[in-house]
C-alpha cells in the first residue's frame, strides 16, 4: 500500500528527479523508492564486513576469516579490508 507524503527538496534535487524519471519513463516517486532500496542494500552490506568477499564469488570466498585480516595487515590491505581501530575500542572500555 502506498502512502502520500510531502517532501521539501532543493530545486536541484527536484530537477534531477524529473530528469531521471523522464529517462526511465517512471514517476519521481518510483525513482525515490529505487534510491531508498539501493541505500538500504548498501547500509546492510556495511553491517556485514565480509559481504563483499562473498559477492566476489571467487575461489577465495569463505577462505579468509575476520581474524586472518586482523592478524595480517598486508592481507587486509590487499583485499581492501579496513579493520576497526583497536585503540578506539580500548579507550572506550
Protein backbone atom coordinates (compact mmCIF):
# COMPACT_ATOMS: atom_id res chain seq x y z
CA UNK A 1 0.00 0.00 0.00
CA UNK A 2 1.36 3.38 -0.95
CA UNK A 3 1.18 6.45 1.21
CA UNK A 4 1.32 10.09 0.16
CA UNK A 5 3.92 12.28 1.81
CA UNK A 6 5.06 15.84 1.39
CA UNK A 7 8.77 16.47 0.97
CA UNK A 8 10.77 19.65 0.97
CA UNK A 9 13.59 19.27 -1.53
CA UNK A 10 16.15 21.57 -3.08
CA UNK A 11 15.23 22.75 -6.57
CA UNK A 12 18.31 20.94 -7.92
CA UNK A 13 17.13 17.66 -6.38
CA UNK A 14 13.67 18.04 -7.91
CA UNK A 15 15.24 18.76 -11.31
CA UNK A 16 17.46 15.66 -11.04
CA UNK A 17 14.46 13.52 -10.06
CA UNK A 18 12.46 14.82 -13.02
CA UNK A 19 15.32 14.13 -15.45
CA UNK A 20 15.86 10.63 -14.03
CA UNK A 21 12.14 9.95 -14.26
CA UNK A 22 11.99 11.14 -17.85
CA UNK A 23 14.99 9.00 -18.85
CA UNK A 24 13.48 5.90 -17.27
CA UNK A 25 9.85 6.71 -18.06
CA UNK A 26 8.98 6.45 -14.36
CA UNK A 27 7.36 8.84 -11.92
CA UNK A 28 9.53 10.65 -9.37
CA UNK A 29 8.08 8.54 -6.56
CA UNK A 30 9.34 5.34 -8.26
CA UNK A 31 12.81 6.88 -8.56
CA UNK A 32 12.79 7.77 -4.84
CA UNK A 33 11.65 4.21 -3.98
CA UNK A 34 14.53 2.75 -6.01
CA UNK A 35 17.05 5.08 -4.41
CA UNK A 36 15.88 4.15 -0.91
CA UNK A 37 16.08 0.43 -1.70
CA UNK A 38 19.61 0.92 -3.02
CA UNK A 39 20.58 2.88 0.10
CA UNK A 40 19.16 0.13 2.33
CA UNK A 41 21.20 -2.52 0.47
CA UNK A 42 24.39 -0.51 0.92
CA UNK A 43 23.78 0.01 4.62
CA UNK A 44 23.03 -3.67 5.11
CA UNK A 45 26.24 -4.58 3.27
CA UNK A 46 28.23 -2.35 5.64
CA UNK A 47 26.87 -4.29 8.61
CA UNK A 48 28.39 -7.47 7.25
CA UNK A 49 32.13 -6.81 6.85
CA UNK A 50 32.58 -9.80 4.58
CA UNK A 51 29.61 -9.40 2.25
CA UNK A 52 31.96 -8.00 -0.39
CA UNK A 53 34.07 -11.16 -0.25
CA UNK A 54 31.07 -13.44 -0.69
CA UNK A 55 29.78 -11.29 -3.56
CA UNK A 56 33.08 -11.78 -5.40
CA UNK A 57 32.13 -15.41 -5.99
CA UNK A 58 35.77 -16.38 -6.40
CA UNK A 59 37.76 -19.29 -5.10
CA UNK A 60 38.67 -17.07 -2.15
CA UNK A 61 35.11 -16.96 -0.92
CA UNK A 62 34.95 -18.40 2.58
CA UNK A 63 38.73 -18.94 2.78
CA UNK A 64 39.56 -15.94 4.97
CA UNK A 65 38.14 -15.03 8.33
CA UNK A 66 37.96 -11.69 10.08
CA UNK A 67 40.77 -12.84 12.36
CA UNK A 68 43.01 -13.52 9.33
CA UNK A 69 42.59 -9.93 8.17
CA UNK A 70 43.16 -8.51 11.64
CA UNK A 71 46.27 -10.64 12.21
CA UNK A 72 47.89 -9.78 8.89
CA UNK A 73 47.52 -6.15 7.82
CA UNK A 74 49.13 -6.93 4.44
CA UNK A 75 46.36 -9.39 3.66
CA UNK A 76 43.74 -6.91 4.84
CA UNK A 77 45.25 -4.18 2.66
CA UNK A 78 45.39 -6.40 -0.42
CA UNK A 79 41.67 -7.17 -0.11
CA UNK A 80 40.61 -3.66 0.86
CA UNK A 81 39.50 -4.71 4.35
CA UNK A 82 39.77 -1.96 6.93
CA UNK A 83 39.79 -3.41 10.43
CA UNK A 84 38.23 -1.35 13.15
CA UNK A 85 40.74 0.61 15.17
CA UNK A 86 41.66 -1.39 18.29
CA UNK A 87 42.92 1.74 20.06
CA UNK A 88 39.47 3.34 19.93
CA UNK A 89 37.93 0.18 21.38
CA UNK A 90 40.47 0.08 24.21
CA UNK A 91 39.76 3.72 25.11
CA UNK A 92 36.02 3.07 25.11
CA UNK A 93 36.43 0.32 27.73
